[in-house]
């Protein structure tokens, strides 16, 4: 019939590219519901290509080797590939997905059992990451999902867990706002779970389930954690302790935001009070140059070049519960050089002299850690202990509360407000992108907006720092 063949065009008038090609159609194992299904694919240029495709389907189905449930799963994989117009799975993949040819477990583990097995098998995790995973498992995943058999876990279970977390958050917030002192006391010390933490909980579960899907001895084909949507989790932006916010805090005790920073005047008041403390130099360094707590605590003299006005960030002390460990920064951006201003150099030089005097006084009792900041006997500082000292000094200065990390936020904000190029600030903070620096740390201080061209150190009322006596 040639060009007059009525099948050359589709009903809508479009060209039927499949006409004149070979097609394949064969029965697949019935669905679990018992309904029939077929594997049908068209568009093969030759009879040989169509026959090869049909033979491949038969080979894949042959992996099931008479196992009815395995045959259904193999049929599912074929049907899915045809529907998505992707290549058919190979026999190795089918064996892995349905457990054919692999040692299978006598019983399917529960979610709790698998989470513990998965975490125990993660031999190369950083200690801090392991602690984070364990916290997610112990506090959330195991209590809510641990009883569910792994292959029975569904999105509904996850939705119920996150709804329960939100209900607890609501209870804590409502109780905190109660006029009843006993009700407020009932949630004392309890913390709400942030959206960011919910995302991290899901990420932990998703990683564990991804490992389970790849295991041939586990009957898991879908990672349900990948199909749960959570509220977006933008990073908390620093909020300045303005006079109005301080007044409200004095009245209600409520902290306006998760991340608070001081104004330059407040930071100056803190440093003036901190001058009386032996470790003033540590707080001065964090307030002006913004190293992380663990980086400052782990700083070694071998990485300090006071004559050049620079320090190298190569190690950090991480806190694991109350235990500590020394590690390197996680990213290449974290391993960096920080340029010191003259005031900070003038603070560190007498501190170095004082530490040398303490070493002579301690004699054989001196513990050689190589650290810049130590106790009088040379032992290294515990990050948690430093945070506690910081909070005590801030309280003695009559300042509204911020975390020690808030000094780092403040240092970044001061630098940006002073007109320091965001690329320089980002590099010295150890961020991988400048956009993260600008979006997260650029707090606006109204009282320094006109002084944007001044150096960072000049933003502080404190211009020359002295070491503690």
Protein backbone atom coordinates (compact mmCIF):
# COMPACT_ATOMS: atom_id res chain seq x y z
CA UNK A 1 0.00 0.00 0.00
CA UNK A 2 3.03 2.26 0.49
CA UNK A 3 2.22 5.83 1.47
CA UNK A 4 -1.51 5.08 1.24
CA UNK A 5 -1.41 2.72 4.24
CA UNK A 6 -3.95 4.07 6.81
CA UNK A 7 -1.68 3.05 9.75
CA UNK A 8 1.13 5.41 8.72
CA UNK A 9 -0.56 8.18 10.70
CA UNK A 10 -2.03 8.27 14.18
CA UNK A 11 -5.68 9.28 14.79
CA UNK A 12 -4.52 12.81 15.69
CA UNK A 13 -2.76 13.17 12.34
CA UNK A 14 0.75 12.71 13.68
CA UNK A 15 3.26 10.39 12.03
CA UNK A 16 3.25 6.85 13.43
CA UNK A 17 6.97 6.13 13.69
CA UNK A 18 6.31 2.63 15.04
CA UNK A 19 4.46 1.48 11.95
CA UNK A 20 6.55 -0.86 9.90
CA UNK A 21 8.70 -1.94 12.86
CA UNK A 22 8.72 -5.12 14.97
CA UNK A 23 6.94 -5.44 18.33
CA UNK A 24 7.19 -7.80 21.30
CA UNK A 25 4.36 -8.95 23.54
CA UNK A 26 4.46 -11.66 26.20
CA UNK A 27 2.73 -12.60 29.43
CA UNK A 28 4.31 -11.61 32.74
CA UNK A 29 3.59 -13.26 36.10
CA UNK A 30 0.29 -12.03 37.50
CA UNK A 31 0.30 -9.08 39.84
CA UNK A 32 -0.07 -9.74 43.60
CA UNK A 33 -3.76 -8.86 43.17
CA UNK A 34 -4.12 -11.69 40.66
CA UNK A 35 -4.70 -9.49 37.61
CA UNK A 36 -3.01 -10.32 34.33
CA UNK A 37 -0.30 -8.17 32.80
CA UNK A 38 1.74 -8.19 29.63
CA UNK A 39 5.13 -6.92 28.58
CA UNK A 40 4.69 -5.06 25.31
CA UNK A 41 7.28 -2.96 23.52
CA UNK A 42 7.24 -1.69 19.93
CA UNK A 43 9.66 0.00 17.58
CA UNK A 44 12.30 -2.69 16.89
CA UNK A 45 13.93 -2.21 13.49
CA UNK A 46 14.57 -5.93 12.90
CA UNK A 47 13.02 -9.23 13.85
CA UNK A 48 16.33 -10.24 15.44
CA UNK A 49 16.30 -7.22 17.77
CA UNK A 50 12.74 -7.98 18.81
CA UNK A 51 13.59 -11.63 19.47
CA UNK A 52 16.65 -10.65 21.56
CA UNK A 53 14.41 -8.44 23.68
CA UNK A 54 11.93 -11.25 24.18
CA UNK A 55 14.72 -13.67 25.11
CA UNK A 56 16.03 -11.16 27.64
CA UNK A 57 12.60 -10.99 29.30
CA UNK A 58 12.48 -14.77 29.53
CA UNK A 59 16.00 -14.88 30.98
CA UNK A 60 15.10 -12.32 33.63
CA UNK A 61 11.97 -14.24 34.58
CA UNK A 62 14.06 -17.40 34.76
CA UNK A 63 16.01 -15.95 37.68
CA UNK A 64 12.97 -16.62 39.87
CA UNK A 65 13.47 -20.37 39.30
CA UNK A 66 9.91 -21.38 40.15
CA UNK A 67 9.60 -19.12 43.20
CA UNK A 68 6.17 -17.50 42.87
CA UNK A 69 6.94 -14.41 44.96
CA UNK A 70 10.28 -13.92 43.26
CA UNK A 71 8.58 -14.23 39.85
CA UNK A 72 6.12 -11.48 40.79
CA UNK A 73 9.01 -9.21 41.83
CA UNK A 74 10.85 -9.95 38.58
CA UNK A 75 7.69 -9.10 36.68
CA UNK A 76 7.43 -5.85 38.61
CA UNK A 77 10.95 -4.87 37.56
CA UNK A 78 10.26 -5.64 33.90
CA UNK A 79 6.94 -3.80 33.94
CA UNK A 80 8.53 -0.79 35.57
CA UNK A 81 11.35 -0.64 32.99
CA UNK A 82 8.91 -0.84 30.08
CA UNK A 83 6.64 1.81 31.57
CA UNK A 84 9.58 4.18 32.09
CA UNK A 85 11.05 3.28 28.68
CA UNK A 86 14.39 2.35 30.21
CA UNK A 87 16.64 -0.65 29.62
CA UNK A 88 15.50 -3.95 31.07
CA UNK A 89 17.34 -4.95 34.26
CA UNK A 90 20.15 -7.47 33.96
CA UNK A 91 20.08 -10.83 35.67
CA UNK A 92 22.58 -9.72 38.34
CA UNK A 93 20.42 -6.76 39.25
CA UNK A 94 17.30 -8.91 39.38
CA UNK A 95 19.01 -11.45 41.62
CA UNK A 96 20.06 -8.64 43.92
CA UNK A 97 16.63 -7.04 44.00
CA UNK A 98 14.63 -10.21 44.59
CA UNK A 99 17.24 -12.05 46.64
CA UNK A 100 17.65 -14.81 44.11
CA UNK A 101 21.02 -16.56 44.31
CA UNK A 102 21.91 -14.82 47.57
CA UNK A 103 21.82 -15.94 51.14
CA UNK A 104 18.58 -14.67 52.63
CA UNK A 105 17.84 -14.11 56.26
CA UNK A 106 15.57 -16.41 58.17
CA UNK A 107 13.67 -13.40 59.50
CA UNK A 108 13.36 -9.83 58.29
CA UNK A 109 14.80 -7.40 60.86
CA UNK A 110 12.80 -4.59 62.39
CA UNK A 111 13.70 -1.01 61.59
CA UNK A 112 15.36 -0.71 65.00
CA UNK A 113 17.44 -3.83 64.47
CA UNK A 114 18.53 -2.72 61.02
CA UNK A 115 19.45 0.79 62.18
CA UNK A 116 21.75 -0.64 64.85
CA UNK A 117 23.29 -3.10 62.37
CA UNK A 118 23.75 -0.37 59.77
CA UNK A 119 25.43 2.05 62.17
CA UNK A 120 27.72 -0.66 63.56
CA UNK A 121 28.87 -1.40 60.02
CA UNK A 122 29.81 2.23 59.27
CA UNK A 123 33.49 1.92 60.14
CA UNK A 124 34.76 5.14 58.55
CA UNK A 125 32.37 7.65 60.09
CA UNK A 126 33.77 10.70 61.84
CA UNK A 127 33.14 10.45 65.56
CA UNK A 128 30.88 13.51 65.56
CA UNK A 129 28.81 12.12 62.68
CA UNK A 130 28.44 8.77 64.44
CA UNK A 131 27.25 10.54 67.57
CA UNK A 132 24.72 12.51 65.52
CA UNK A 133 23.39 9.35 63.83
CA UNK A 134 23.17 7.58 67.18
CA UNK A 135 21.24 10.49 68.64
CA UNK A 136 18.71 10.41 65.81
CA UNK A 137 18.27 6.66 66.22
CA UNK A 138 18.02 6.66 70.02
CA UNK A 139 15.81 9.71 70.44
CA UNK A 140 13.50 9.54 67.43
CA UNK A 141 13.79 6.69 64.94
CA UNK A 142 13.90 3.76 67.36
CA UNK A 143 11.09 4.98 69.65
CA UNK A 144 8.75 5.76 66.75
CA UNK A 145 9.73 3.20 64.09
CA UNK A 146 11.91 0.59 65.78
CA UNK A 147 9.10 -1.95 66.16
CA UNK A 148 8.12 -1.95 62.45
CA UNK A 149 9.39 -4.82 60.31
CA UNK A 150 11.78 -3.36 57.76
CA UNK A 151 9.88 -4.49 54.67
CA UNK A 152 6.60 -3.22 56.14
CA UNK A 153 7.82 0.33 56.71
CA UNK A 154 5.68 2.82 54.81
CA UNK A 155 5.43 6.56 54.36
CA UNK A 156 2.53 6.58 56.81
CA UNK A 157 4.84 5.46 59.60
CA UNK A 158 7.20 8.34 58.87
CA UNK A 159 4.40 10.88 58.67
CA UNK A 160 3.11 9.70 62.04
CA UNK A 161 6.58 10.10 63.55
CA UNK A 162 7.03 13.67 62.35
CA UNK A 163 3.48 14.56 63.42
CA UNK A 164 4.28 13.23 66.90
CA UNK A 165 7.45 15.33 66.99
CA UNK A 166 5.44 18.44 66.08
CA UNK A 167 2.83 17.63 68.74
CA UNK A 168 5.61 17.48 71.34
CA UNK A 169 6.96 20.80 70.06
CA UNK A 170 3.50 22.37 70.44
CA UNK A 171 3.18 20.97 73.96
CA UNK A 172 6.54 22.44 74.97
CA UNK A 173 5.75 25.86 73.49
CA UNK A 174 2.28 25.97 75.06
CA UNK A 175 3.59 24.91 78.45
CA UNK A 176 6.36 27.50 78.37
CA UNK A 177 3.76 30.22 77.76
CA UNK A 178 1.47 29.03 80.56
CA UNK A 179 0.67 31.25 83.55
CA UNK A 180 0.95 28.17 85.76
CA UNK A 181 4.44 27.84 87.21
CA UNK A 182 4.04 24.08 87.63
CA UNK A 183 3.14 23.70 83.96
CA UNK A 184 6.18 25.73 82.93
CA UNK A 185 8.34 23.66 85.25
CA UNK A 186 7.06 20.43 83.68
CA UNK A 187 8.89 21.22 80.43
CA UNK A 188 11.98 22.76 81.99
CA UNK A 189 15.04 21.56 80.12
CA UNK A 190 12.99 20.14 77.24
CA UNK A 191 13.93 21.36 73.78
CA UNK A 192 11.82 21.62 70.68
CA UNK A 193 12.96 19.86 67.53
CA UNK A 194 13.78 22.34 64.77
CA UNK A 195 12.88 21.84 61.13
CA UNK A 196 16.59 21.50 60.37
CA UNK A 197 16.87 18.66 62.88
CA UNK A 198 13.84 16.95 61.33
CA UNK A 199 15.62 17.06 57.98
CA UNK A 200 18.73 15.52 59.54
CA UNK A 201 16.63 12.77 61.16
CA UNK A 202 15.14 11.94 57.78
CA UNK A 203 18.60 12.02 56.17
CA UNK A 204 19.87 9.47 58.70
CA UNK A 205 16.94 7.14 57.99
CA UNK A 206 17.28 7.64 54.24
CA UNK A 207 20.94 6.66 54.37
CA UNK A 208 20.17 3.54 56.39
CA UNK A 209 17.33 2.49 54.09
CA UNK A 210 19.44 3.13 51.00
CA UNK A 211 21.96 0.64 52.37
CA UNK A 212 19.14 -1.85 53.00
CA UNK A 213 17.81 -1.54 49.44
CA UNK A 214 21.24 -2.45 48.08
CA UNK A 215 21.47 -5.59 50.22
CA UNK A 216 20.48 -8.81 48.38
CA UNK A 217 19.53 -10.51 51.64
CA UNK A 218 16.90 -7.91 52.52
CA UNK A 219 13.50 -7.76 50.79
CA UNK A 220 13.45 -3.97 50.52
CA UNK A 221 12.96 -2.33 47.14
CA UNK A 222 11.86 1.22 47.94
CA UNK A 223 13.45 3.83 50.17
CA UNK A 224 10.33 5.37 51.71
CA UNK A 225 12.35 8.13 53.39
CA UNK A 226 12.93 9.59 49.92
CA UNK A 227 9.19 10.09 49.47
CA UNK A 228 8.48 12.17 52.57
CA UNK A 229 8.23 15.93 52.22
CA UNK A 230 9.13 18.18 55.11
CA UNK A 231 8.88 21.89 55.60
CA UNK A 232 11.84 23.65 54.05
CA UNK A 233 14.62 24.31 56.51
CA UNK A 234 16.40 27.60 55.84
CA UNK A 235 19.32 28.23 58.12
CA UNK A 236 18.53 30.48 61.08
CA UNK A 237 19.66 34.05 60.48
CA UNK A 238 21.52 35.90 63.23
CA UNK A 239 19.39 38.46 65.05
CA UNK A 240 20.93 41.43 66.85
CA UNK A 241 20.18 42.13 70.51
CA UNK A 242 18.65 45.56 69.92
CA UNK A 243 17.56 47.71 72.86
CA UNK A 244 13.93 46.76 72.26
CA UNK A 245 14.71 43.04 72.21
CA UNK A 246 16.82 43.31 75.34
CA UNK A 247 13.99 45.12 77.15
CA UNK A 248 11.51 42.43 76.19
CA UNK A 249 13.93 39.71 77.27
CA UNK A 250 14.35 41.37 80.67
CA UNK A 251 10.57 41.37 81.04
CA UNK A 252 9.62 37.92 79.69
CA UNK A 253 12.82 35.88 79.60
CA UNK A 254 12.11 34.98 75.97
CA UNK A 255 15.02 34.84 73.52
CA UNK A 256 13.78 36.20 70.15
CA UNK A 257 15.60 33.79 67.83
CA UNK A 258 17.78 30.65 67.89
CA UNK A 259 20.86 32.63 66.83
CA UNK A 260 21.50 35.90 68.62
CA UNK A 261 24.47 38.25 68.29
CA UNK A 262 25.56 41.28 70.25
CA UNK A 263 25.90 44.81 69.01
CA UNK A 264 29.46 46.17 68.84
CA UNK A 265 28.84 48.04 72.10
CA UNK A 266 27.71 44.81 73.80
CA UNK A 267 30.70 42.89 72.44
CA UNK A 268 32.95 45.65 73.77
CA UNK A 269 31.35 45.32 77.21
CA UNK A 270 31.98 41.59 77.16
CA UNK A 271 35.63 42.00 76.23
CA UNK A 272 36.13 44.66 78.90
CA UNK A 273 34.81 42.21 81.51
CA UNK A 274 36.76 39.29 79.97
CA UNK A 275 40.02 41.21 80.41
CA UNK A 276 39.97 40.18 84.05
CA UNK A 277 40.00 36.52 83.07
CA UNK A 278 43.15 34.53 82.37
CA UNK A 279 41.78 33.37 78.99
CA UNK A 280 40.94 36.81 77.68
CA UNK A 281 43.09 36.22 74.59
CA UNK A 282 40.91 33.26 73.57
CA UNK A 283 37.70 35.28 73.64
CA UNK A 284 39.35 38.25 71.94
CA UNK A 285 40.44 36.00 69.06
CA UNK A 286 36.96 34.52 68.58
CA UNK A 287 35.22 37.91 68.87
CA UNK A 288 37.39 39.60 66.24
CA UNK A 289 38.45 36.81 63.87
CA UNK A 290 35.64 34.27 64.24
CA UNK A 291 37.29 30.83 64.45
CA UNK A 292 34.93 28.08 65.55
CA UNK A 293 35.05 27.03 69.18
CA UNK A 294 36.75 23.72 68.40
CA UNK A 295 39.25 25.44 66.10
CA UNK A 296 40.23 27.98 68.76
CA UNK A 297 40.50 25.33 71.48
CA UNK A 298 42.55 23.08 69.19
CA UNK A 299 44.84 25.82 67.86
CA UNK A 300 48.53 24.89 68.18
CA UNK A 301 51.54 27.19 68.43
CA UNK A 302 53.10 25.44 65.44
CA UNK A 303 50.31 26.98 63.34
CA UNK A 304 50.76 30.52 64.69
CA UNK A 305 53.03 33.11 63.04
CA UNK A 306 52.70 36.24 65.13
CA UNK A 307 55.49 38.06 63.30
CA UNK A 308 53.55 37.57 60.06
CA UNK A 309 50.18 38.20 61.72
CA UNK A 310 48.62 34.88 60.72
CA UNK A 311 47.32 31.62 62.18
CA UNK A 312 46.66 28.36 60.36
CA UNK A 313 43.51 26.36 61.07
CA UNK A 314 44.50 22.71 60.63
CA UNK A 315 42.99 20.93 63.64
CA UNK A 316 39.89 21.16 65.80
CA UNK A 317 38.64 19.64 69.03
CA UNK A 318 35.16 18.15 68.63
CA UNK A 319 32.88 17.37 71.54
CA UNK A 320 31.21 13.95 71.58
CA UNK A 321 28.79 14.01 74.45
CA UNK A 322 31.31 15.12 77.06
CA UNK A 323 34.18 13.22 75.48
CA UNK A 324 36.43 15.02 73.02
CA UNK A 325 38.44 14.06 69.96
CA UNK A 326 40.95 15.87 67.77
CA UNK A 327 40.20 15.95 64.06
CA UNK A 328 40.93 17.96 60.96
CA UNK A 329 38.37 20.38 59.49
CA UNK A 330 35.75 18.55 57.43
CA UNK A 331 36.28 20.47 54.20
CA UNK A 332 39.16 21.94 52.25
CA UNK A 333 37.70 25.39 52.92
CA UNK A 334 37.92 24.68 56.65
CA UNK A 335 41.70 24.27 56.42
CA UNK A 336 42.69 27.89 56.06
CA UNK A 337 44.83 30.81 57.15
CA UNK A 338 43.38 33.67 59.20
CA UNK A 339 45.05 37.07 59.01
CA UNK A 340 45.39 38.81 62.37
CA UNK A 341 44.92 42.50 63.05
CA UNK A 342 47.53 44.33 65.13
CA UNK A 343 45.34 44.42 68.24
CA UNK A 344 44.95 40.65 68.21
CA UNK A 345 48.69 40.14 67.72
CA UNK A 346 49.29 42.49 70.66
CA UNK A 347 46.97 40.32 72.76
CA UNK A 348 48.52 36.99 71.77
CA UNK A 349 52.15 38.00 72.37
CA UNK A 350 51.80 38.64 76.13
CA UNK A 351 49.59 35.55 76.38
CA UNK A 352 52.41 33.46 74.91
CA UNK A 353 54.81 35.00 77.42
CA UNK A 354 52.44 34.22 80.29
CA UNK A 355 52.02 30.62 79.19
CA UNK A 356 55.80 30.16 79.07
CA UNK A 357 56.02 31.46 82.63
CA UNK A 358 53.33 28.98 83.69
CA UNK A 359 55.34 26.19 82.08
CA UNK A 360 58.44 27.12 84.08
CA UNK A 361 56.41 27.31 87.27
CA UNK A 362 54.77 23.92 86.67
CA UNK A 363 58.10 22.20 86.04
CA UNK A 364 57.73 18.45 85.58
CA UNK A 365 53.97 18.70 86.16
CA UNK A 366 53.57 20.63 82.90
CA UNK A 367 51.56 18.77 80.24
CA UNK A 368 53.00 19.52 76.81
CA UNK A 369 49.99 19.70 74.50
CA UNK A 370 51.35 22.26 72.05
CA UNK A 371 48.06 24.13 72.33
CA UNK A 372 47.83 27.89 72.29
CA UNK A 373 45.14 28.01 74.95
CA UNK A 374 45.55 25.74 77.98
CA UNK A 375 44.94 25.41 81.68
CA UNK A 376 47.80 26.62 83.95
CA UNK A 377 49.31 23.10 83.93
CA UNK A 378 49.38 22.90 80.13
CA UNK A 379 46.40 20.59 79.66
CA UNK A 380 44.09 21.38 76.78
CA UNK A 381 40.76 23.10 77.27
CA UNK A 382 37.45 21.25 77.01
CA UNK A 383 35.09 22.98 74.52
CA UNK A 384 32.13 22.63 76.87
CA UNK A 385 34.11 24.12 79.75
CA UNK A 386 35.04 27.11 77.59
CA UNK A 387 31.37 27.66 76.69
CA UNK A 388 30.48 27.60 80.38
CA UNK A 389 33.18 30.16 81.17
CA UNK A 390 31.94 32.37 78.34
CA UNK A 391 28.36 32.31 79.66
CA UNK A 392 29.52 33.19 83.19
CA UNK A 393 31.53 36.19 81.98
CA UNK A 394 28.62 37.38 79.81
CA UNK A 395 26.23 37.12 82.77
CA UNK A 396 28.65 39.03 85.02
CA UNK A 397 28.76 41.76 82.37
CA UNK A 398 24.96 42.00 82.49
CA UNK A 399 24.59 41.06 78.83
CA UNK A 400 21.70 39.25 77.13
CA UNK A 401 22.56 35.63 76.32
CA UNK A 402 24.25 34.39 73.19
CA UNK A 403 26.15 31.19 72.54
CA UNK A 404 29.91 31.17 72.20
CA UNK A 405 29.28 30.49 68.51
CA UNK A 406 27.40 33.79 68.54
CA UNK A 407 30.76 35.55 68.91
CA UNK A 408 31.73 33.97 65.58
CA UNK A 409 28.49 35.24 64.02
CA UNK A 410 29.23 38.66 65.42
CA UNK A 411 32.78 38.68 64.07
CA UNK A 412 31.48 37.88 60.59
CA UNK A 413 28.77 40.53 60.82
CA UNK A 414 31.25 43.13 62.05
CA UNK A 415 33.60 42.41 59.17
CA UNK A 416 30.84 42.69 56.58
CA UNK A 417 29.47 45.86 58.17
CA UNK A 418 32.99 47.31 58.10
CA UNK A 419 33.09 46.85 54.35
CA UNK A 420 35.47 43.89 54.25
CA UNK A 421 35.00 42.02 50.97
CA UNK A 422 32.65 39.07 51.40
CA UNK A 423 35.16 36.77 49.67
CA UNK A 424 37.76 37.60 52.32
CA UNK A 425 35.27 37.08 55.15
CA UNK A 426 34.08 33.80 53.65
CA UNK A 427 37.63 32.52 53.26
CA UNK A 428 38.66 33.39 56.81
CA UNK A 429 35.50 31.83 58.25
CA UNK A 430 36.13 28.62 56.33
CA UNK A 431 32.95 28.68 54.25
CA UNK A 432 32.79 26.90 50.91
CA UNK A 433 30.70 29.61 49.21
CA UNK A 434 30.44 33.37 49.57
CA UNK A 435 26.66 33.23 49.18
CA UNK A 436 26.38 31.21 52.38
CA UNK A 437 28.44 33.82 54.20
CA UNK A 438 26.39 36.73 52.95
CA UNK A 439 23.01 35.08 53.50
CA UNK A 440 23.79 33.76 56.97
CA UNK A 441 26.08 36.24 58.68
CA UNK A 442 25.33 39.70 57.39
CA UNK A 443 23.47 41.21 60.32
CA UNK A 444 22.88 44.93 60.06
CA UNK A 445 24.07 47.05 62.95
CA UNK A 446 22.34 50.44 62.63
CA UNK A 447 24.92 52.17 64.81
CA UNK A 448 27.81 51.11 62.54
CA UNK A 449 26.17 51.51 59.14
CA UNK A 450 27.90 54.85 58.61
CA UNK A 451 31.25 53.35 59.58
CA UNK A 452 31.16 50.62 56.93
CA UNK A 453 34.55 51.59 55.54
CA UNK A 454 36.40 51.24 58.83
CA UNK A 455 38.45 48.23 59.81
CA UNK A 456 36.70 45.48 61.76
CA UNK A 457 38.62 46.08 64.95
CA UNK A 458 37.74 49.78 64.86
CA UNK A 459 34.02 48.93 65.03
CA UNK A 460 34.45 47.89 68.65
CA UNK A 461 34.57 50.48 71.39
CA UNK A 462 37.63 48.52 72.60
CA UNK A 463 40.57 49.68 70.47
CA UNK A 464 43.57 48.34 72.34
CA UNK A 465 43.30 45.06 74.19
CA UNK A 466 45.44 44.16 77.17
CA UNK A 467 46.18 40.71 78.50
CA UNK A 468 44.78 39.61 81.83
CA UNK A 469 47.01 40.28 84.79
